[in-house]
């Protein structure tokens, strides 16, 4: 297995496009313990089943941190302890921030600052950030959905802008967009 350079990798695509499978496959190239920061909350039985399925797909060698809001703080807390950190997914994180009525601009600014701090991430861990591409469909019919779509687009642009590599996953095929 070849040594992998440490960096920030942003992976986007549609729902069920293969983003998580791609990230898990790439993560397998890294040695050592891996961390998974899960932003989903098990608010109903169907979501609990999804979460359990995803945990099973990761297999051994992963520590899972369930953190729906304080993702930036969690990255800072655990970096350096893992060869790989995966955040899945930023779109759910955004939804959680909106639901909690937090300052999205400030939260996104904090995340981008952590991603830009190369001494924090790139020298110790490879950080994979997964997000949905939600702006490729029709214009939503209500104000809240349009706001979410617009914020997700802005978030994805900002995170991609400071990432070393960006991938778009389409129908299970990762396409390198940057790096």
Protein backbone atom coordinates (compact mmCIF):
# COMPACT_ATOMS: atom_id res chain seq x y z
CA UNK A 1 0.00 0.00 0.00
CA UNK A 2 1.46 3.38 -0.97
CA UNK A 3 1.80 6.27 1.45
CA UNK A 4 -0.97 8.81 0.98
CA UNK A 5 -0.25 12.54 1.26
CA UNK A 6 -2.34 14.21 3.94
CA UNK A 7 -4.82 16.73 2.63
CA UNK A 8 -8.39 18.03 2.60
CA UNK A 9 -10.64 16.25 0.09
CA UNK A 10 -14.16 17.48 -0.70
CA UNK A 11 -16.58 14.97 -2.24
CA UNK A 12 -19.95 16.05 -3.60
CA UNK A 13 -22.69 14.56 -5.74
CA UNK A 14 -26.35 13.70 -5.69
CA UNK A 15 -28.14 11.56 -3.14
CA UNK A 16 -27.14 7.88 -3.38
CA UNK A 17 -24.56 8.74 -6.05
CA UNK A 18 -21.81 6.69 -4.38
CA UNK A 19 -20.07 9.46 -2.42
CA UNK A 20 -19.74 7.51 0.82
CA UNK A 21 -18.59 4.33 -0.94
CA UNK A 22 -15.91 6.33 -2.77
CA UNK A 23 -14.71 7.96 0.48
CA UNK A 24 -14.58 4.62 2.30
CA UNK A 25 -12.61 3.10 -0.60
CA UNK A 26 -10.14 5.99 -0.58
CA UNK A 27 -9.87 5.84 3.22
CA UNK A 28 -8.84 2.19 3.01
CA UNK A 29 -5.56 3.36 1.42
CA UNK A 30 -4.60 5.05 4.68
CA UNK A 31 -2.96 3.17 7.53
CA UNK A 32 -4.00 3.47 11.14
CA UNK A 33 -7.15 4.30 12.99
CA UNK A 34 -9.88 6.27 11.25
CA UNK A 35 -12.54 8.66 12.57
CA UNK A 36 -16.03 9.22 11.21
CA UNK A 37 -17.90 12.37 12.23
CA UNK A 38 -21.57 11.63 11.59
CA UNK A 39 -23.91 14.61 11.37
CA UNK A 40 -27.14 12.61 11.03
CA UNK A 41 -29.49 12.24 13.94
CA UNK A 42 -31.67 9.17 14.47
CA UNK A 43 -34.95 11.05 14.80
CA UNK A 44 -37.05 8.10 13.62
CA UNK A 45 -36.76 4.36 13.09
CA UNK A 46 -35.95 4.62 9.38
CA UNK A 47 -33.05 6.99 10.06
CA UNK A 48 -31.80 4.75 12.88
CA UNK A 49 -31.74 1.83 10.41
CA UNK A 50 -29.80 3.93 7.88
CA UNK A 51 -27.26 4.91 10.51
CA UNK A 52 -26.75 1.29 11.60
CA UNK A 53 -26.33 0.21 7.97
CA UNK A 54 -23.68 2.88 7.39
CA UNK A 55 -21.82 1.87 10.56
CA UNK A 56 -21.75 -1.71 9.27
CA UNK A 57 -20.40 -0.60 5.89
CA UNK A 58 -17.45 1.13 7.59
CA UNK A 59 -16.40 -2.05 9.34
CA UNK A 60 -13.52 -2.33 11.83
CA UNK A 61 -10.91 0.34 12.40
CA UNK A 62 -13.30 3.29 12.69
CA UNK A 63 -14.20 5.44 15.69
CA UNK A 64 -17.56 7.14 15.20
CA UNK A 65 -18.38 10.55 16.63
CA UNK A 66 -22.03 11.56 16.36
CA UNK A 67 -21.98 15.33 16.15
CA UNK A 68 -24.86 17.11 14.41
CA UNK A 69 -23.81 20.72 15.21
CA UNK A 70 -20.26 21.18 16.55
CA UNK A 71 -18.44 19.66 13.56
CA UNK A 72 -15.67 22.26 13.47
CA UNK A 73 -14.94 21.81 17.15
CA UNK A 74 -14.95 18.02 16.75
CA UNK A 75 -12.42 18.20 13.89
CA UNK A 76 -10.12 20.33 16.07
CA UNK A 77 -10.59 18.00 19.04
CA UNK A 78 -9.70 14.75 17.26
CA UNK A 79 -7.23 15.80 14.55
CA UNK A 80 -3.80 14.37 14.97
CA UNK A 81 -5.20 11.21 16.54
CA UNK A 82 -6.24 9.65 13.23
CA UNK A 83 -4.78 9.05 9.79
CA UNK A 84 -8.20 9.75 8.28
CA UNK A 85 -11.15 11.83 9.39
CA UNK A 86 -14.41 11.67 7.43
CA UNK A 87 -17.25 14.17 7.90
CA UNK A 88 -20.49 12.83 6.43
CA UNK A 89 -22.33 14.93 5.60
CA UNK A 90 -22.06 18.70 5.44
CA UNK A 91 -25.53 19.05 3.94
CA UNK A 92 -27.11 17.44 7.02
CA UNK A 93 -24.88 19.64 9.18
CA UNK A 94 -26.25 22.70 7.36
CA UNK A 95 -29.80 21.50 7.93
CA UNK A 96 -29.04 20.96 11.63
CA UNK A 97 -27.60 24.48 11.91
CA UNK A 98 -30.70 25.94 10.26
CA UNK A 99 -33.00 23.96 12.55
CA UNK A 100 -31.05 25.16 15.61
CA UNK A 101 -31.32 28.74 14.27
CA UNK A 102 -27.55 29.26 14.48
CA UNK A 103 -25.57 31.84 12.51
CA UNK A 104 -24.77 29.84 9.35
CA UNK A 105 -22.35 32.45 8.02
CA UNK A 106 -20.33 32.34 11.25
CA UNK A 107 -20.38 28.52 11.46
CA UNK A 108 -19.24 28.20 7.84
CA UNK A 109 -16.51 30.79 8.42
CA UNK A 110 -15.21 28.74 11.39
CA UNK A 111 -15.18 25.55 9.31
CA UNK A 112 -13.35 27.20 6.40
CA UNK A 113 -10.74 28.65 8.78
CA UNK A 114 -10.04 25.18 10.19
CA UNK A 115 -9.76 23.75 6.67
CA UNK A 116 -7.33 26.52 5.68
CA UNK A 117 -5.11 25.87 8.72
CA UNK A 118 -2.69 23.49 7.02
CA UNK A 119 -0.80 22.87 10.25
CA UNK A 120 -3.99 21.52 11.81
CA UNK A 121 -5.18 19.15 9.11
CA UNK A 122 -2.76 18.45 6.30
CA UNK A 123 0.26 17.46 8.38
CA UNK A 124 -1.56 14.92 10.52
CA UNK A 125 -4.74 13.65 8.91
CA UNK A 126 -6.47 13.40 5.59
CA UNK A 127 -9.86 14.99 6.00
CA UNK A 128 -12.70 13.88 3.70
CA UNK A 129 -15.77 16.12 3.63
CA UNK A 130 -18.93 14.73 2.03
CA UNK A 131 -21.76 16.97 0.82
CA UNK A 132 -24.77 16.72 -1.44
CA UNK A 133 -25.04 18.76 -4.60
CA UNK A 134 -28.60 20.07 -4.26
CA UNK A 135 -28.65 22.89 -6.80
CA UNK A 136 -28.87 20.82 -9.98
CA UNK A 137 -32.61 20.23 -9.85
CA UNK A 138 -35.70 22.37 -10.09
CA UNK A 139 -36.11 25.58 -8.11
CA UNK A 140 -37.86 24.67 -4.84
CA UNK A 141 -41.37 26.01 -4.42
CA UNK A 142 -41.00 27.39 -0.90
CA UNK A 143 -38.76 30.01 0.69
CA UNK A 144 -37.12 27.72 3.28
CA UNK A 145 -36.17 25.13 0.65
CA UNK A 146 -34.76 27.86 -1.63
CA UNK A 147 -32.76 29.28 1.28
CA UNK A 148 -31.38 25.80 2.05
CA UNK A 149 -30.45 25.22 -1.60
CA UNK A 150 -28.69 28.60 -1.79
CA UNK A 151 -26.83 28.10 1.50
CA UNK A 152 -25.77 24.59 0.45
CA UNK A 153 -24.41 25.97 -2.82
CA UNK A 154 -22.48 28.68 -1.00
CA UNK A 155 -21.17 26.16 1.55
CA UNK A 156 -20.01 23.77 -1.16
CA UNK A 157 -18.24 26.57 -3.05
CA UNK A 158 -16.42 27.78 0.07
CA UNK A 159 -15.35 24.29 1.16
CA UNK A 160 -14.28 23.31 -2.36
CA UNK A 161 -12.31 26.54 -2.61
CA UNK A 162 -10.06 25.63 0.32
CA UNK A 163 -9.84 21.88 -0.39
CA UNK A 164 -6.77 20.28 -1.94
CA UNK A 165 -8.90 17.95 -4.05
CA UNK A 166 -12.55 17.98 -5.11
CA UNK A 167 -14.49 15.04 -6.52
CA UNK A 168 -17.97 14.93 -8.01
CA UNK A 169 -19.50 11.46 -7.86
CA UNK A 170 -21.99 10.69 -10.61
CA UNK A 171 -23.72 7.29 -10.82
CA UNK A 172 -20.98 5.74 -8.70
CA UNK A 173 -18.16 7.20 -10.78
CA UNK A 174 -15.87 9.74 -9.09
CA UNK A 175 -14.79 12.58 -11.35
CA UNK A 176 -11.85 14.66 -10.16
CA UNK A 177 -12.74 18.34 -10.43
CA UNK A 178 -9.79 19.91 -8.60
CA UNK A 179 -6.31 18.86 -7.51
